[in-house]
C-alpha cells in the first residue's frame, strides 16, 4: 500500500487558478487549499487580470484555452511569466513567448505536487 504523498508549502503560499471548467476549477482549488495554500479562482483572462493587479501570487496555474483568449497572453507580462504553469490538453505544447512551464492535461495529483515543489510555495 502506497503512502499518501504530502506537499509542504510555505505558510503564505498564494496560488491563482485560472480554469473555465467549474468542476476542474473547484477540484484543483480544493486540493490546493487542503495542502495549505491560499487560493483565488478565475474562470477567464479578464478575471485573472483583475486578481493579478490586486495582489501578488507565488504560483499561477492557468488552463491554456479560456473563453476570452489563451494563457499565452498572461505570459507576455514579465511580472507573471515565470510564475505561470500553463495546463494544456493540446499537443504539442503551445507556443509561449517567455518563461513559464507547460504541462499536459490531465493535471494529476503527482504533477501538481512536482509543480508545487519547484515553485516559490515550496517549504523545502
PDB file of N, CA and C in Angstrom:
ATOM      1  N   UNK A   1       0.838  -1.178   0.000  1.00  0.00           N
ATOM      2  CA  UNK A   1       0.000   0.000   0.000  1.00  0.00           C
ATOM      3  C   UNK A   1       0.886   1.246   0.000  1.00  0.00           C
ATOM      4  N   UNK A   2       0.592   2.171  -0.944  1.00  0.00           N
ATOM      5  CA  UNK A   2       1.388   3.389  -1.051  1.00  0.00           C
ATOM      6  C   UNK A   2       0.968   4.403  -0.001  1.00  0.00           C
ATOM      7  N   UNK A   3       1.966   5.093   0.543  1.00  0.00           N
ATOM      8  CA  UNK A   3       1.676   6.160   1.493  1.00  0.00           C
ATOM      9  C   UNK A   3       1.201   7.385   0.719  1.00  0.00           C
ATOM     10  N   UNK A   4       0.257   8.146   1.256  1.00  0.00           N
ATOM     11  CA  UNK A   4      -0.124   9.367   0.581  1.00  0.00           C
ATOM     12  C   UNK A   4       1.026  10.370   0.620  1.00  0.00           C
ATOM     13  N   UNK A   5       1.266  11.004  -0.479  1.00  0.00           N
ATOM     14  CA  UNK A   5       2.332  11.992  -0.558  1.00  0.00           C
ATOM     15  C   UNK A   5       1.794  13.325  -0.049  1.00  0.00           C
ATOM     16  N   UNK A   6       2.624  14.016   0.714  1.00  0.00           N
ATOM     17  CA  UNK A   6       2.212  15.322   1.199  1.00  0.00           C
ATOM     18  C   UNK A   6       3.103  16.383   0.579  1.00  0.00           C
ATOM     19  N   UNK A   7       2.589  17.573   0.530  1.00  0.00           N
ATOM     20  CA  UNK A   7       3.325  18.702  -0.008  1.00  0.00           C
ATOM     21  C   UNK A   7       3.507  19.694   1.130  1.00  0.00           C
ATOM     22  N   UNK A   8       4.736  20.109   1.380  1.00  0.00           N
ATOM     23  CA  UNK A   8       4.981  21.114   2.401  1.00  0.00           C
ATOM     24  C   UNK A   8       5.094  22.463   1.733  1.00  0.00           C
ATOM     25  N   UNK A   9       4.138  23.341   2.072  1.00  0.00           N
ATOM     26  CA  UNK A   9       4.086  24.670   1.481  1.00  0.00           C
ATOM     27  C   UNK A   9       4.451  25.726   2.515  1.00  0.00           C
ATOM     28  N   UNK A  10       4.921  26.848   2.041  1.00  0.00           N
ATOM     29  CA  UNK A  10       5.157  27.970   2.936  1.00  0.00           C
ATOM     30  C   UNK A  10       3.817  28.417   3.506  1.00  0.00           C
ATOM     31  N   UNK A  11       3.846  29.047   4.663  1.00  0.00           N
ATOM     32  CA  UNK A  11       2.606  29.480   5.310  1.00  0.00           C
ATOM     33  C   UNK A  11       1.846  30.508   4.490  1.00  0.00           C
ATOM     34  N   UNK A  12       2.560  31.281   3.700  1.00  0.00           N
ATOM     35  CA  UNK A  12       1.915  32.355   2.943  1.00  0.00           C
ATOM     36  C   UNK A  12       1.793  32.044   1.447  1.00  0.00           C
ATOM     37  N   UNK A  13       1.781  30.776   1.091  1.00  0.00           N
ATOM     38  CA  UNK A  13       1.671  30.373  -0.314  1.00  0.00           C
ATOM     39  C   UNK A  13       0.335  30.850  -0.894  1.00  0.00           C
ATOM     40  N   UNK A  14       0.407  31.648  -1.961  1.00  0.00           N
ATOM     41  CA  UNK A  14      -0.792  32.160  -2.617  1.00  0.00           C
ATOM     42  C   UNK A  14      -0.772  31.700  -4.075  1.00  0.00           C
ATOM     43  N   UNK A  15      -1.862  31.028  -4.487  1.00  0.00           N
ATOM     44  CA  UNK A  15      -1.964  30.469  -5.826  1.00  0.00           C
ATOM     45  C   UNK A  15      -3.202  31.038  -6.518  1.00  0.00           C
ATOM     46  N   UNK A  16      -3.045  31.374  -7.784  1.00  0.00           N
ATOM     47  CA  UNK A  16      -4.185  31.764  -8.618  1.00  0.00           C
ATOM     48  C   UNK A  16      -4.455  30.627  -9.590  1.00  0.00           C
ATOM     49  N   UNK A  17      -5.685  30.112  -9.572  1.00  0.00           N
ATOM     50  CA  UNK A  17      -6.104  29.065 -10.506  1.00  0.00           C
ATOM     51  C   UNK A  17      -7.023  29.687 -11.548  1.00  0.00           C
ATOM     52  N   UNK A  18      -6.687  29.470 -12.817  1.00  0.00           N
ATOM     53  CA  UNK A  18      -7.484  30.010 -13.920  1.00  0.00           C
ATOM     54  C   UNK A  18      -7.955  28.828 -14.754  1.00  0.00           C
ATOM     55  N   UNK A  19      -9.243  28.575 -14.722  1.00  0.00           N
ATOM     56  CA  UNK A  19      -9.825  27.405 -15.412  1.00  0.00           C
ATOM     57  C   UNK A  19     -11.287  27.707 -15.704  1.00  0.00           C
ATOM     58  N   UNK A  20     -11.717  27.462 -16.949  1.00  0.00           N
ATOM     59  CA  UNK A  20     -13.103  27.764 -17.316  1.00  0.00           C
ATOM     60  C   UNK A  20     -14.066  26.611 -17.059  1.00  0.00           C
ATOM     61  N   UNK A  21     -13.558  25.447 -16.715  1.00  0.00           N
ATOM     62  CA  UNK A  21     -14.424  24.324 -16.362  1.00  0.00           C
ATOM     63  C   UNK A  21     -14.665  24.381 -14.853  1.00  0.00           C
ATOM     64  N   UNK A  22     -15.903  24.687 -14.426  1.00  0.00           N
ATOM     65  CA  UNK A  22     -16.172  24.874 -12.993  1.00  0.00           C
ATOM     66  C   UNK A  22     -15.798  23.667 -12.129  1.00  0.00           C
ATOM     67  N   UNK A  23     -16.045  22.465 -12.607  1.00  0.00           N
ATOM     68  CA  UNK A  23     -15.726  21.272 -11.820  1.00  0.00           C
ATOM     69  C   UNK A  23     -14.218  21.121 -11.636  1.00  0.00           C
ATOM     70  N   UNK A  24     -13.451  21.343 -12.704  1.00  0.00           N
ATOM     71  CA  UNK A  24     -11.994  21.235 -12.601  1.00  0.00           C
ATOM     72  C   UNK A  24     -11.432  22.334 -11.705  1.00  0.00           C
ATOM     73  N   UNK A  25     -11.975  23.536 -11.836  1.00  0.00           N
ATOM     74  CA  UNK A  25     -11.519  24.647 -11.005  1.00  0.00           C
ATOM     75  C   UNK A  25     -11.777  24.363  -9.527  1.00  0.00           C
ATOM     76  N   UNK A  26     -12.953  23.882  -9.222  1.00  0.00           N
ATOM     77  CA  UNK A  26     -13.301  23.577  -7.832  1.00  0.00           C
ATOM     78  C   UNK A  26     -12.409  22.478  -7.257  1.00  0.00           C
ATOM     79  N   UNK A  27     -12.178  21.426  -8.031  1.00  0.00           N
ATOM     80  CA  UNK A  27     -11.340  20.313  -7.568  1.00  0.00           C
ATOM     81  C   UNK A  27      -9.907  20.772  -7.322  1.00  0.00           C
ATOM     82  N   UNK A  28      -9.350  21.520  -8.252  1.00  0.00           N
ATOM     83  CA  UNK A  28      -7.975  22.000  -8.120  1.00  0.00           C
ATOM     84  C   UNK A  28      -7.837  22.929  -6.914  1.00  0.00           C
ATOM     85  N   UNK A  29      -8.743  23.883  -6.802  1.00  0.00           N
ATOM     86  CA  UNK A  29      -8.677  24.834  -5.695  1.00  0.00           C
ATOM     87  C   UNK A  29      -8.851  24.133  -4.352  1.00  0.00           C
ATOM     88  N   UNK A  30      -9.752  23.177  -4.289  1.00  0.00           N
ATOM     89  CA  UNK A  30      -9.993  22.442  -3.044  1.00  0.00           C
ATOM     90  C   UNK A  30      -8.748  21.661  -2.621  1.00  0.00           C
ATOM     91  N   UNK A  31      -8.087  21.009  -3.566  1.00  0.00           N
ATOM     92  CA  UNK A  31      -6.884  20.243  -3.253  1.00  0.00           C
ATOM     93  C   UNK A  31      -5.767  21.167  -2.763  1.00  0.00           C
ATOM     94  N   UNK A  32      -5.583  22.283  -3.443  1.00  0.00           N
ATOM     95  CA  UNK A  32      -4.547  23.230  -3.030  1.00  0.00           C
ATOM     96  C   UNK A  32      -4.823  23.779  -1.631  1.00  0.00           C
ATOM     97  N   UNK A  33      -6.079  24.066  -1.347  1.00  0.00           N
ATOM     98  CA  UNK A  33      -6.443  24.550  -0.004  1.00  0.00           C
ATOM     99  C   UNK A  33      -6.200  23.465   1.043  1.00  0.00           C
ATOM    100  N   UNK A  34      -6.501  22.238   0.693  1.00  0.00           N
ATOM    101  CA  UNK A  34      -6.268  21.115   1.601  1.00  0.00           C
ATOM    102  C   UNK A  34      -4.788  21.018   1.955  1.00  0.00           C
ATOM    103  N   UNK A  35      -3.932  21.319   1.000  1.00  0.00           N
ATOM    104  CA  UNK A  35      -2.489  21.279   1.215  1.00  0.00           C
ATOM    105  C   UNK A  35      -1.967  22.540   1.902  1.00  0.00           C
ATOM    106  N   UNK A  36      -2.834  23.530   2.130  1.00  0.00           N
ATOM    107  CA  UNK A  36      -2.432  24.714   2.887  1.00  0.00           C
ATOM    108  C   UNK A  36      -2.240  25.987   2.097  1.00  0.00           C
ATOM    109  N   UNK A  37      -2.525  25.985   0.821  1.00  0.00           N
ATOM    110  CA  UNK A  37      -2.362  27.195   0.006  1.00  0.00           C
ATOM    111  C   UNK A  37      -3.573  28.112   0.150  1.00  0.00           C
ATOM    112  N   UNK A  38      -3.339  29.398  -0.003  1.00  0.00           N
ATOM    113  CA  UNK A  38      -4.412  30.359  -0.152  1.00  0.00           C
ATOM    114  C   UNK A  38      -4.681  30.435  -1.651  1.00  0.00           C
ATOM    115  N   UNK A  39      -5.920  30.226  -2.054  1.00  0.00           N
ATOM    116  CA  UNK A  39      -6.234  30.097  -3.474  1.00  0.00           C
ATOM    117  C   UNK A  39      -7.288  31.108  -3.886  1.00  0.00           C
ATOM    118  N   UNK A  40      -7.007  31.790  -4.996  1.00  0.00           N
ATOM    119  CA  UNK A  40      -8.002  32.621  -5.664  1.00  0.00           C
ATOM    120  C   UNK A  40      -8.323  31.946  -6.984  1.00  0.00           C
ATOM    121  N   UNK A  41      -9.544  32.173  -7.471  1.00  0.00           N
ATOM    122  CA  UNK A  41     -10.017  31.495  -8.677  1.00  0.00           C
ATOM    123  C   UNK A  41     -10.509  32.501  -9.713  1.00  0.00           C
ATOM    124  N   UNK A  42     -10.237  32.179 -10.972  1.00  0.00           N
ATOM    125  CA  UNK A  42     -10.756  32.961 -12.092  1.00  0.00           C
ATOM    126  C   UNK A  42     -11.166  31.993 -13.192  1.00  0.00           C
ATOM    127  N   UNK A  43     -12.243  32.319 -13.895  1.00  0.00           N
ATOM    128  CA  UNK A  43     -12.717  31.436 -14.962  1.00  0.00           C
ATOM    129  C   UNK A  43     -12.392  31.978 -16.354  1.00  0.00           C
ATOM    130  N   UNK A  44     -11.736  33.138 -16.418  1.00  0.00           N
ATOM    131  CA  UNK A  44     -11.347  33.708 -17.705  1.00  0.00           C
ATOM    132  C   UNK A  44     -10.176  34.671 -17.517  1.00  0.00           C
ATOM    133  N   UNK A  45      -9.636  35.170 -18.636  1.00  0.00           N
ATOM    134  CA  UNK A  45      -8.488  36.078 -18.566  1.00  0.00           C
ATOM    135  C   UNK A  45      -8.832  37.393 -17.892  1.00  0.00           C
ATOM    136  N   UNK A  46     -10.011  37.917 -18.155  1.00  0.00           N
ATOM    137  CA  UNK A  46     -10.400  39.202 -17.564  1.00  0.00           C
ATOM    138  C   UNK A  46     -10.393  39.106 -16.037  1.00  0.00           C
ATOM    139  N   UNK A  47     -10.990  38.061 -15.506  1.00  0.00           N
ATOM    140  CA  UNK A  47     -10.994  37.870 -14.055  1.00  0.00           C
ATOM    141  C   UNK A  47      -9.596  37.653 -13.513  1.00  0.00           C
ATOM    142  N   UNK A  48      -8.781  36.910 -14.247  1.00  0.00           N
ATOM    143  CA  UNK A  48      -7.400  36.660 -13.827  1.00  0.00           C
ATOM    144  C   UNK A  48      -6.606  37.957 -13.788  1.00  0.00           C
ATOM    145  N   UNK A  49      -6.741  38.771 -14.813  1.00  0.00           N
ATOM    146  CA  UNK A  49      -6.008  40.047 -14.842  1.00  0.00           C
ATOM    147  C   UNK A  49      -6.407  40.937 -13.667  1.00  0.00           C
ATOM    148  N   UNK A  50      -7.686  40.966 -13.352  1.00  0.00           N
ATOM    149  CA  UNK A  50      -8.156  41.766 -12.219  1.00  0.00           C
ATOM    150  C   UNK A  50      -7.486  41.307 -10.931  1.00  0.00           C
ATOM    151  N   UNK A  51      -7.471  40.001 -10.693  1.00  0.00           N
ATOM    152  CA  UNK A  51      -6.842  39.472  -9.488  1.00  0.00           C
ATOM    153  C   UNK A  51      -5.329  39.702  -9.484  1.00  0.00           C
ATOM    154  N   UNK A  52      -4.698  39.558 -10.636  1.00  0.00           N
ATOM    155  CA  UNK A  52      -3.250  39.748 -10.729  1.00  0.00           C
ATOM    156  C   UNK A  52      -2.845  41.192 -10.458  1.00  0.00           C
ATOM    157  N   UNK A  53      -3.726  42.127 -10.753  1.00  0.00           N
ATOM    158  CA  UNK A  53      -3.443  43.534 -10.466  1.00  0.00           C
ATOM    159  C   UNK A  53      -3.638  43.856  -8.981  1.00  0.00           C
ATOM    160  N   UNK A  54      -4.447  43.056  -8.294  1.00  0.00           N
ATOM    161  CA  UNK A  54      -4.765  43.315  -6.888  1.00  0.00           C
ATOM    162  C   UNK A  54      -3.714  42.805  -5.910  1.00  0.00           C
ATOM    163  N   UNK A  55      -3.097  41.645  -6.227  1.00  0.00           N
ATOM    164  CA  UNK A  55      -2.182  41.036  -5.266  1.00  0.00           C
ATOM    165  C   UNK A  55      -1.161  40.158  -5.990  1.00  0.00           C
ATOM    166  N   UNK A  56      -0.026  39.938  -5.326  1.00  0.00           N
ATOM    167  CA  UNK A  56       0.983  39.049  -5.911  1.00  0.00           C
ATOM    168  C   UNK A  56       0.644  37.578  -5.648  1.00  0.00           C
ATOM    169  N   UNK A  57       1.123  36.713  -6.519  1.00  0.00           N
ATOM    170  CA  UNK A  57       0.937  35.267  -6.376  1.00  0.00           C
ATOM    171  C   UNK A  57       2.285  34.582  -6.459  1.00  0.00           C
ATOM    172  N   UNK A  58       2.407  33.479  -5.736  1.00  0.00           N
ATOM    173  CA  UNK A  58       3.613  32.660  -5.805  1.00  0.00           C
ATOM    174  C   UNK A  58       3.565  31.721  -6.998  1.00  0.00           C
ATOM    175  N   UNK A  59       2.352  31.353  -7.392  1.00  0.00           N
ATOM    176  CA  UNK A  59       2.151  30.403  -8.480  1.00  0.00           C
ATOM    177  C   UNK A  59       0.833  30.717  -9.173  1.00  0.00           C
ATOM    178  N   UNK A  60       0.840  30.616 -10.493  1.00  0.00           N
ATOM    179  CA  UNK A  60      -0.367  30.820 -11.290  1.00  0.00           C
ATOM    180  C   UNK A  60      -0.556  29.575 -12.143  1.00  0.00           C
ATOM    181  N   UNK A  61      -1.653  28.865 -11.921  1.00  0.00           N
ATOM    182  CA  UNK A  61      -1.985  27.678 -12.711  1.00  0.00           C
ATOM    183  C   UNK A  61      -3.076  28.075 -13.683  1.00  0.00           C
ATOM    184  N   UNK A  62      -2.794  28.004 -14.972  1.00  0.00           N
ATOM    185  CA  UNK A  62      -3.733  28.514 -15.969  1.00  0.00           C
ATOM    186  C   UNK A  62      -4.012  27.503 -17.065  1.00  0.00           C
ATOM    187  N   UNK A  63      -5.295  27.233 -17.285  1.00  0.00           N
ATOM    188  CA  UNK A  63      -5.710  26.459 -18.447  1.00  0.00           C
ATOM    189  C   UNK A  63      -5.292  27.258 -19.685  1.00  0.00           C
ATOM    190  N   UNK A  64      -4.841  26.579 -20.721  1.00  0.00           N
ATOM    191  CA  UNK A  64      -4.372  27.303 -21.907  1.00  0.00           C
ATOM    192  C   UNK A  64      -5.518  27.981 -22.648  1.00  0.00           C
ATOM    193  N   UNK A  65      -6.562  27.226 -22.968  1.00  0.00           N
ATOM    194  CA  UNK A  65      -7.690  27.775 -23.720  1.00  0.00           C
ATOM    195  C   UNK A  65      -8.758  28.281 -22.761  1.00  0.00           C
ATOM    196  N   UNK A  66      -9.015  29.577 -22.828  1.00  0.00           N
ATOM    197  CA  UNK A  66     -10.009  30.208 -21.974  1.00  0.00           C
ATOM    198  C   UNK A  66     -11.040  30.916 -22.858  1.00  0.00           C
ATOM    199  N   UNK A  67     -12.207  31.237 -22.318  1.00  0.00           N
ATOM    200  CA  UNK A  67     -13.268  31.814 -23.144  1.00  0.00           C
ATOM    201  C   UNK A  67     -12.883  33.124 -23.847  1.00  0.00           C
ATOM    202  N   UNK A  68     -11.998  33.906 -23.233  1.00  0.00           N
ATOM    203  CA  UNK A  68     -11.645  35.210 -23.799  1.00  0.00           C
ATOM    204  C   UNK A  68     -10.195  35.304 -24.263  1.00  0.00           C
ATOM    205  N   UNK A  69      -9.570  34.160 -24.540  1.00  0.00           N
ATOM    206  CA  UNK A  69      -8.201  34.171 -25.054  1.00  0.00           C
ATOM    207  C   UNK A  69      -7.435  32.942 -24.579  1.00  0.00           C
ATOM    208  N   UNK A  70      -6.110  33.067 -24.588  1.00  0.00           N
ATOM    209  CA  UNK A  70      -5.261  31.957 -24.133  1.00  0.00           C
ATOM    210  C   UNK A  70      -4.335  32.438 -23.030  1.00  0.00           C
ATOM    211  N   UNK A  71      -3.851  31.489 -22.259  1.00  0.00           N
ATOM    212  CA  UNK A  71      -2.925  31.804 -21.171  1.00  0.00           C
ATOM    213  C   UNK A  71      -1.630  32.425 -21.688  1.00  0.00           C
ATOM    214  N   UNK A  72      -1.323  32.233 -22.950  1.00  0.00           N
ATOM    215  CA  UNK A  72      -0.115  32.838 -23.527  1.00  0.00           C
ATOM    216  C   UNK A  72      -0.137  34.356 -23.376  1.00  0.00           C
ATOM    217  N   UNK A  73      -1.324  34.941 -23.356  1.00  0.00           N
ATOM    218  CA  UNK A  73      -1.439  36.395 -23.190  1.00  0.00           C
ATOM    219  C   UNK A  73      -0.924  36.831 -21.820  1.00  0.00           C
ATOM    220  N   UNK A  74      -1.097  36.016 -20.801  1.00  0.00           N
ATOM    221  CA  UNK A  74      -0.591  36.349 -19.472  1.00  0.00           C
ATOM    222  C   UNK A  74       0.924  36.246 -19.416  1.00  0.00           C
ATOM    223  N   UNK A  75       1.487  35.362 -20.232  1.00  0.00           N
ATOM    224  CA  UNK A  75       2.936  35.175 -20.248  1.00  0.00           C
ATOM    225  C   UNK A  75       3.668  36.387 -20.808  1.00  0.00           C
ATOM    226  N   UNK A  76       2.945  37.277 -21.460  1.00  0.00           N
ATOM    227  CA  UNK A  76       3.575  38.475 -22.019  1.00  0.00           C
ATOM    228  C   UNK A  76       3.970  39.473 -20.936  1.00  0.00           C
ATOM    229  N   UNK A  77       3.431  39.333 -19.738  1.00  0.00           N
ATOM    230  CA  UNK A  77       3.770  40.237 -18.654  1.00  0.00           C
ATOM    231  C   UNK A  77       4.974  39.672 -17.899  1.00  0.00           C
ATOM    232  N   UNK A  78       6.103  40.389 -17.892  1.00  0.00           N
ATOM    233  CA  UNK A  78       7.309  39.861 -17.247  1.00  0.00           C
ATOM    234  C   UNK A  78       7.170  39.660 -15.735  1.00  0.00           C
ATOM    235  N   UNK A  79       6.210  40.326 -15.097  1.00  0.00           N
ATOM    236  CA  UNK A  79       5.997  40.127 -13.663  1.00  0.00           C
ATOM    237  C   UNK A  79       5.377  38.764 -13.381  1.00  0.00           C
ATOM    238  N   UNK A  80       4.676  38.199 -14.355  1.00  0.00           N
ATOM    239  CA  UNK A  80       3.918  36.974 -14.139  1.00  0.00           C
ATOM    240  C   UNK A  80       4.502  35.761 -14.835  1.00  0.00           C
ATOM    241  N   UNK A  81       5.260  35.958 -15.906  1.00  0.00           N
ATOM    242  CA  UNK A  81       5.597  34.845 -16.788  1.00  0.00           C
ATOM    243  C   UNK A  81       6.335  33.703 -16.111  1.00  0.00           C
ATOM    244  N   UNK A  82       7.222  33.973 -15.184  1.00  0.00           N
ATOM    245  CA  UNK A  82       7.997  32.897 -14.532  1.00  0.00           C
ATOM    246  C   UNK A  82       7.200  32.159 -13.464  1.00  0.00           C
ATOM    247  N   UNK A  83       6.054  32.702 -13.072  1.00  0.00           N
ATOM    248  CA  UNK A  83       5.231  32.077 -12.033  1.00  0.00           C
ATOM    249  C   UNK A  83       4.104  31.241 -12.626  1.00  0.00           C
ATOM    250  N   UNK A  84       3.933  31.313 -13.952  1.00  0.00           N
ATOM    251  CA  UNK A  84       2.791  30.667 -14.592  1.00  0.00           C
ATOM    252  C   UNK A  84       3.125  29.244 -15.021  1.00  0.00           C
ATOM    253  N   UNK A  85       2.202  28.346 -14.711  1.00  0.00           N
ATOM    254  CA  UNK A  85       2.241  26.992 -15.256  1.00  0.00           C
ATOM    255  C   UNK A  85       0.974  26.853 -16.088  1.00  0.00           C
ATOM    256  N   UNK A  86       1.159  26.650 -17.384  1.00  0.00           N
ATOM    257  CA  UNK A  86       0.040  26.510 -18.308  1.00  0.00           C
ATOM    258  C   UNK A  86      -0.313  25.032 -18.408  1.00  0.00           C
ATOM    259  N   UNK A  87      -1.593  24.746 -18.256  1.00  0.00           N
ATOM    260  CA  UNK A  87      -2.083  23.370 -18.343  1.00  0.00           C
ATOM    261  C   UNK A  87      -2.847  23.254 -19.650  1.00  0.00           C
ATOM    262  N   UNK A  88      -2.426  22.339 -20.505  1.00  0.00           N
ATOM    263  CA  UNK A  88      -3.000  22.259 -21.843  1.00  0.00           C
ATOM    264  C   UNK A  88      -3.359  20.830 -22.229  1.00  0.00           C
ATOM    265  N   UNK A  89      -4.506  20.703 -22.855  1.00  0.00           N
ATOM    266  CA  UNK A  89      -4.901  19.401 -23.402  1.00  0.00           C
ATOM    267  C   UNK A  89      -4.318  19.223 -24.795  1.00  0.00           C
ATOM    268  N   UNK A  90      -3.877  20.316 -25.385  1.00  0.00           N
ATOM    269  CA  UNK A  90      -3.347  20.296 -26.747  1.00  0.00           C
ATOM    270  C   UNK A  90      -1.955  19.686 -26.781  1.00  0.00           C
ATOM    271  N   UNK A  91      -1.662  19.001 -27.852  1.00  0.00           N
ATOM    272  CA  UNK A  91      -0.316  18.501 -28.106  1.00  0.00           C
ATOM    273  C   UNK A  91       0.006  18.848 -29.556  1.00  0.00           C
ATOM    274  N   UNK A  92       1.143  19.342 -29.859  1.00  0.00           N
ATOM    275  CA  UNK A  92       2.242  19.633 -28.959  1.00  0.00           C
ATOM    276  C   UNK A  92       1.948  20.834 -28.072  1.00  0.00           C
ATOM    277  N   UNK A  93       2.862  21.075 -27.132  1.00  0.00           N
ATOM    278  CA  UNK A  93       2.653  22.163 -26.196  1.00  0.00           C
ATOM    279  C   UNK A  93       2.550  23.493 -26.938  1.00  0.00           C
ATOM    280  N   UNK A  94       1.704  24.383 -26.436  1.00  0.00           N
ATOM    281  CA  UNK A  94       1.507  25.673 -27.092  1.00  0.00           C
ATOM    282  C   UNK A  94       2.759  26.537 -27.041  1.00  0.00           C
ATOM    283  N   UNK A  95       2.853  27.448 -28.005  1.00  0.00           N
ATOM    284  CA  UNK A  95       3.955  28.393 -28.025  1.00  0.00           C
ATOM    285  C   UNK A  95       3.844  29.301 -26.807  1.00  0.00           C
ATOM    286  N   UNK A  96       4.959  29.648 -26.229  1.00  0.00           N
ATOM    287  CA  UNK A  96       4.944  30.604 -25.138  1.00  0.00           C
ATOM    288  C   UNK A  96       6.041  31.630 -25.380  1.00  0.00           C
ATOM    289  N   UNK A  97       5.695  32.924 -25.316  1.00  0.00           N
ATOM    290  CA  UNK A  97       6.653  33.958 -25.655  1.00  0.00           C
ATOM    291  C   UNK A  97       7.783  34.134 -24.657  1.00  0.00           C
ATOM    292  N   UNK A  98       7.601  33.736 -23.416  1.00  0.00           N
ATOM    293  CA  UNK A  98       8.619  33.932 -22.389  1.00  0.00           C
ATOM    294  C   UNK A  98       8.785  32.653 -21.591  1.00  0.00           C
ATOM    295  N   UNK A  99       9.058  32.821 -20.307  1.00  0.00           N
ATOM    296  CA  UNK A  99       9.238  31.682 -19.412  1.00  0.00           C
ATOM    297  C   UNK A  99       7.929  30.972 -19.159  1.00  0.00           C
ATOM    298  N   UNK A 100       7.868  30.320 -18.063  1.00  0.00           N
ATOM    299  CA  UNK A 100       6.666  29.565 -17.749  1.00  0.00           C
ATOM    300  C   UNK A 100       6.833  28.123 -18.182  1.00  0.00           C
ATOM    301  N   UNK A 101       6.038  27.299 -17.602  1.00  0.00           N
ATOM    302  CA  UNK A 101       6.089  25.869 -17.855  1.00  0.00           C
ATOM    303  C   UNK A 101       4.761  25.446 -18.447  1.00  0.00           C
ATOM    304  N   UNK A 102       4.785  24.493 -19.355  1.00  0.00           N
ATOM    305  CA  UNK A 102       3.560  23.947 -19.919  1.00  0.00           C
ATOM    306  C   UNK A 102       3.494  22.473 -19.550  1.00  0.00           C
ATOM    307  N   UNK A 103       2.368  22.059 -18.961  1.00  0.00           N
ATOM    308  CA  UNK A 103       2.167  20.655 -18.636  1.00  0.00           C
ATOM    309  C   UNK A 103       0.913  20.158 -19.339  1.00  0.00           C
ATOM    310  N   UNK A 104       0.944  18.907 -19.694  1.00  0.00           N
ATOM    311  CA  UNK A 104      -0.168  18.281 -20.415  1.00  0.00           C
ATOM    312  C   UNK A 104      -1.263  17.849 -19.449  1.00  0.00           C
ATOM    313  N   UNK A 105      -2.503  18.064 -19.846  1.00  0.00           N
ATOM    314  CA  UNK A 105      -3.632  17.534 -19.080  1.00  0.00           C
ATOM    315  C   UNK A 105      -3.651  16.030 -19.246  1.00  0.00           C
ATOM    316  N   UNK A 106      -4.114  15.295 -18.286  1.00  0.00           N
ATOM    317  CA  UNK A 106      -4.728  15.766 -17.053  1.00  0.00           C
ATOM    318  C   UNK A 106      -3.672  16.205 -16.044  1.00  0.00           C
ATOM    319  N   UNK A 107      -4.047  17.176 -15.214  1.00  0.00           N
ATOM    320  CA  UNK A 107      -3.175  17.635 -14.144  1.00  0.00           C
ATOM    321  C   UNK A 107      -3.407  16.713 -12.950  1.00  0.00           C
ATOM    322  N   UNK A 108      -2.574  15.712 -12.857  1.00  0.00           N
ATOM    323  CA  UNK A 108      -2.720  14.715 -11.790  1.00  0.00           C
ATOM    324  C   UNK A 108      -2.181  15.273 -10.472  1.00  0.00           C
ATOM    325  N   UNK A 109      -2.499  14.586  -9.413  1.00  0.00           N
ATOM    326  CA  UNK A 109      -2.000  14.954  -8.091  1.00  0.00           C
ATOM    327  C   UNK A 109      -0.467  14.945  -8.087  1.00  0.00           C
ATOM    328  N   UNK A 110       0.138  13.939  -8.692  1.00  0.00           N
ATOM    329  CA  UNK A 110       1.604  13.842  -8.739  1.00  0.00           C
ATOM    330  C   UNK A 110       2.214  15.004  -9.515  1.00  0.00           C
ATOM    331  N   UNK A 111       1.617  15.365 -10.654  1.00  0.00           N
ATOM    332  CA  UNK A 111       2.128  16.506 -11.419  1.00  0.00           C
ATOM    333  C   UNK A 111       2.018  17.788 -10.607  1.00  0.00           C
ATOM    334  N   UNK A 112       0.885  17.953  -9.942  1.00  0.00           N
ATOM    335  CA  UNK A 112       0.666  19.149  -9.144  1.00  0.00           C
ATOM    336  C   UNK A 112       1.676  19.227  -7.997  1.00  0.00           C
ATOM    337  N   UNK A 113       1.971  18.111  -7.381  1.00  0.00           N
ATOM    338  CA  UNK A 113       2.962  18.092  -6.304  1.00  0.00           C
ATOM    339  C   UNK A 113       4.339  18.487  -6.822  1.00  0.00           C
ATOM    340  N   UNK A 114       4.715  18.006  -8.011  1.00  0.00           N
ATOM    341  CA  UNK A 114       6.013  18.378  -8.595  1.00  0.00           C
ATOM    342  C   UNK A 114       6.055  19.866  -8.913  1.00  0.00           C
ATOM    343  N   UNK A 115       4.955  20.397  -9.431  1.00  0.00           N
ATOM    344  CA  UNK A 115       4.877  21.825  -9.740  1.00  0.00           C
ATOM    345  C   UNK A 115       5.053  22.647  -8.464  1.00  0.00           C
ATOM    346  N   UNK A 116       4.332  22.269  -7.418  1.00  0.00           N
ATOM    347  CA  UNK A 116       4.435  22.993  -6.153  1.00  0.00           C
ATOM    348  C   UNK A 116       5.830  22.900  -5.549  1.00  0.00           C
ATOM    349  N   UNK A 117       6.441  21.735  -5.641  1.00  0.00           N
ATOM    350  CA  UNK A 117       7.788  21.540  -5.090  1.00  0.00           C
ATOM    351  C   UNK A 117       8.813  22.426  -5.789  1.00  0.00           C
ATOM    352  N   UNK A 118       8.582  22.751  -7.053  1.00  0.00           N
ATOM    353  CA  UNK A 118       9.511  23.578  -7.821  1.00  0.00           C
ATOM    354  C   UNK A 118       9.159  25.066  -7.767  1.00  0.00           C
ATOM    355  N   UNK A 119       8.087  25.411  -7.059  1.00  0.00           N
ATOM    356  CA  UNK A 119       7.606  26.785  -7.043  1.00  0.00           C
ATOM    357  C   UNK A 119       8.069  27.538  -5.789  1.00  0.00           C
ATOM    358  N   UNK A 120       7.742  28.818  -5.744  1.00  0.00           N
ATOM    359  CA  UNK A 120       8.042  29.650  -4.571  1.00  0.00           C
ATOM    360  C   UNK A 120       7.226  29.214  -3.363  1.00  0.00           C
ATOM    361  N   UNK A 121       6.239  28.368  -3.559  1.00  0.00           N
ATOM    362  CA  UNK A 121       5.402  27.873  -2.456  1.00  0.00           C
ATOM    363  C   UNK A 121       6.067  26.776  -1.649  1.00  0.00           C
ATOM    364  N   UNK A 122       7.104  26.186  -2.180  1.00  0.00           N
ATOM    365  CA  UNK A 122       7.719  25.026  -1.526  1.00  0.00           C
ATOM    366  C   UNK A 122       8.436  25.442  -0.242  1.00  0.00           C
ATOM    367  N   UNK A 123       8.129  24.719   0.818  1.00  0.00           N
ATOM    368  CA  UNK A 123       8.792  24.952   2.103  1.00  0.00           C
ATOM    369  C   UNK A 123      10.107  24.191   2.195  1.00  0.00           C
ATOM    370  N   UNK A 124      10.408  23.388   1.205  1.00  0.00           N
ATOM    371  CA  UNK A 124      11.646  22.589   1.212  1.00  0.00           C
ATOM    372  C   UNK A 124      12.828  23.375   0.712  1.00  0.00           C
TER     373      UNK A 124
END
